[in-house]
Amino acid sequence: MKQIDLREGARRQHRTVALFAMIQCWIRNLDGVCFQRDHLERLVGIERFRGTRIDWLKSDLSGII
């Protein structure tokens, strides 16, 4: 799998997680939610976050949230 394809797939997953978080805040009338590492691992479907994936996640969510 090419790096570009992997990055785009990660970006879509991160946006999906952000949308899920925003909907939960709206439904529950909350200001924000906090995900623990194991929650993100389960939502995204990977066993371990590495430095690059964490940087991608921060970058993708900074423009949305």
C-alpha atoms as a PDB file:
ATOM      1  CA  MET A   1       0.000   0.000   0.000  1.00  0.00           C
ATOM      2  CA  LYS A   2       1.376   3.374  -0.950  1.00  0.00           C
ATOM      3  CA  GLN A   3       1.998   6.010   1.715  1.00  0.00           C
ATOM      4  CA  ILE A   4      -0.512   8.388   0.097  1.00  0.00           C
ATOM      5  CA  ASP A   5      -3.290   5.794   0.237  1.00  0.00           C
ATOM      6  CA  LEU A   6      -2.468   5.033   3.861  1.00  0.00           C
ATOM      7  CA  ARG A   7      -2.488   8.724   4.793  1.00  0.00           C
ATOM      8  CA  GLU A   8      -5.820   9.380   3.066  1.00  0.00           C
ATOM      9  CA  GLY A   9      -7.396   6.384   4.802  1.00  0.00           C
ATOM     10  CA  ALA A  10      -6.128   7.623   8.153  1.00  0.00           C
ATOM     11  CA  ARG A  11      -7.475  11.115   7.438  1.00  0.00           C
ATOM     12  CA  ARG A  12     -10.929   9.690   6.726  1.00  0.00           C
ATOM     13  CA  GLN A  13     -10.875   7.631   9.913  1.00  0.00           C
ATOM     14  CA  HIS A  14      -9.839  10.657  11.964  1.00  0.00           C
ATOM     15  CA  ARG A  15     -12.618  12.769  10.483  1.00  0.00           C
ATOM     16  CA  THR A  16     -15.117  10.006  11.264  1.00  0.00           C
ATOM     17  CA  VAL A  17     -13.971   9.895  14.893  1.00  0.00           C
ATOM     18  CA  ALA A  18     -14.234  13.693  15.095  1.00  0.00           C
ATOM     19  CA  LEU A  19     -17.757  13.627  13.670  1.00  0.00           C
ATOM     20  CA  PHE A  20     -18.745  10.915  16.152  1.00  0.00           C
ATOM     21  CA  ALA A  21     -17.389  13.053  18.999  1.00  0.00           C
ATOM     22  CA  MET A  22     -19.246  16.153  17.776  1.00  0.00           C
ATOM     23  CA  ILE A  23     -22.530  14.255  17.498  1.00  0.00           C
ATOM     24  CA  GLN A  24     -22.112  12.839  20.995  1.00  0.00           C
ATOM     25  CA  CYS A  25     -21.490  16.345  22.344  1.00  0.00           C
ATOM     26  CA  TRP A  26     -24.555  17.667  20.571  1.00  0.00           C
ATOM     27  CA  ILE A  27     -26.826  14.818  21.727  1.00  0.00           C
ATOM     28  CA  ARG A  28     -25.624  14.967  25.340  1.00  0.00           C
ATOM     29  CA  ASN A  29     -25.259  18.766  25.465  1.00  0.00           C
ATOM     30  CA  LEU A  30     -21.567  18.529  26.354  1.00  0.00           C
ATOM     31  CA  ASP A  31     -18.704  20.925  25.693  1.00  0.00           C
ATOM     32  CA  GLY A  32     -16.342  18.113  24.725  1.00  0.00           C
ATOM     33  CA  VAL A  33     -15.425  14.475  25.079  1.00  0.00           C
ATOM     34  CA  CYS A  34     -12.215  12.757  26.042  1.00  0.00           C
ATOM     35  CA  PHE A  35     -11.067   9.545  24.403  1.00  0.00           C
ATOM     36  CA  GLN A  36      -8.630   7.248  26.103  1.00  0.00           C
ATOM     37  CA  ARG A  37      -6.022   5.495  24.026  1.00  0.00           C
ATOM     38  CA  ASP A  38      -7.857   2.154  24.121  1.00  0.00           C
ATOM     39  CA  HIS A  39     -11.038   3.850  22.899  1.00  0.00           C
ATOM     40  CA  LEU A  40      -9.214   5.277  19.886  1.00  0.00           C
ATOM     41  CA  GLU A  41      -7.565   1.949  19.186  1.00  0.00           C
ATOM     42  CA  ARG A  42     -10.977   0.281  19.120  1.00  0.00           C
ATOM     43  CA  LEU A  43     -12.658   3.015  17.057  1.00  0.00           C
ATOM     44  CA  VAL A  44      -9.916   3.223  14.459  1.00  0.00           C
ATOM     45  CA  GLY A  45      -9.209  -0.500  14.507  1.00  0.00           C
ATOM     46  CA  ILE A  46      -5.482  -0.528  15.095  1.00  0.00           C
ATOM     47  CA  GLU A  47      -3.640  -2.137  17.955  1.00  0.00           C
ATOM     48  CA  ARG A  48      -1.063   0.531  18.614  1.00  0.00           C
ATOM     49  CA  PHE A  49      -0.663   4.191  17.791  1.00  0.00           C
ATOM     50  CA  ARG A  50       2.827   5.204  16.788  1.00  0.00           C
ATOM     51  CA  GLY A  51       4.307   8.677  16.645  1.00  0.00           C
ATOM     52  CA  THR A  52       3.432   9.308  13.013  1.00  0.00           C
ATOM     53  CA  ARG A  53      -0.199   8.272  13.440  1.00  0.00           C
ATOM     54  CA  ILE A  54      -0.540  10.501  16.516  1.00  0.00           C
ATOM     55  CA  ASP A  55       0.890  13.442  14.569  1.00  0.00           C
ATOM     56  CA  TRP A  56      -1.566  12.752  11.741  1.00  0.00           C
ATOM     57  CA  LEU A  57      -4.451  12.593  14.225  1.00  0.00           C
ATOM     58  CA  LYS A  58      -3.487  15.926  15.810  1.00  0.00           C
ATOM     59  CA  SER A  59      -3.101  17.528  12.395  1.00  0.00           C
ATOM     60  CA  ASP A  60      -6.427  16.230  11.101  1.00  0.00           C
ATOM     61  CA  LEU A  61      -8.402  17.197  14.195  1.00  0.00           C
ATOM     62  CA  SER A  62      -6.845  20.646  14.562  1.00  0.00           C
ATOM     63  CA  GLY A  63      -8.694  21.860  11.485  1.00  0.00           C
ATOM     64  CA  ILE A  64     -12.045  20.442  12.587  1.00  0.00           C
ATOM     65  CA  ILE A  65     -12.303  20.898  16.316  1.00  0.00           C
END
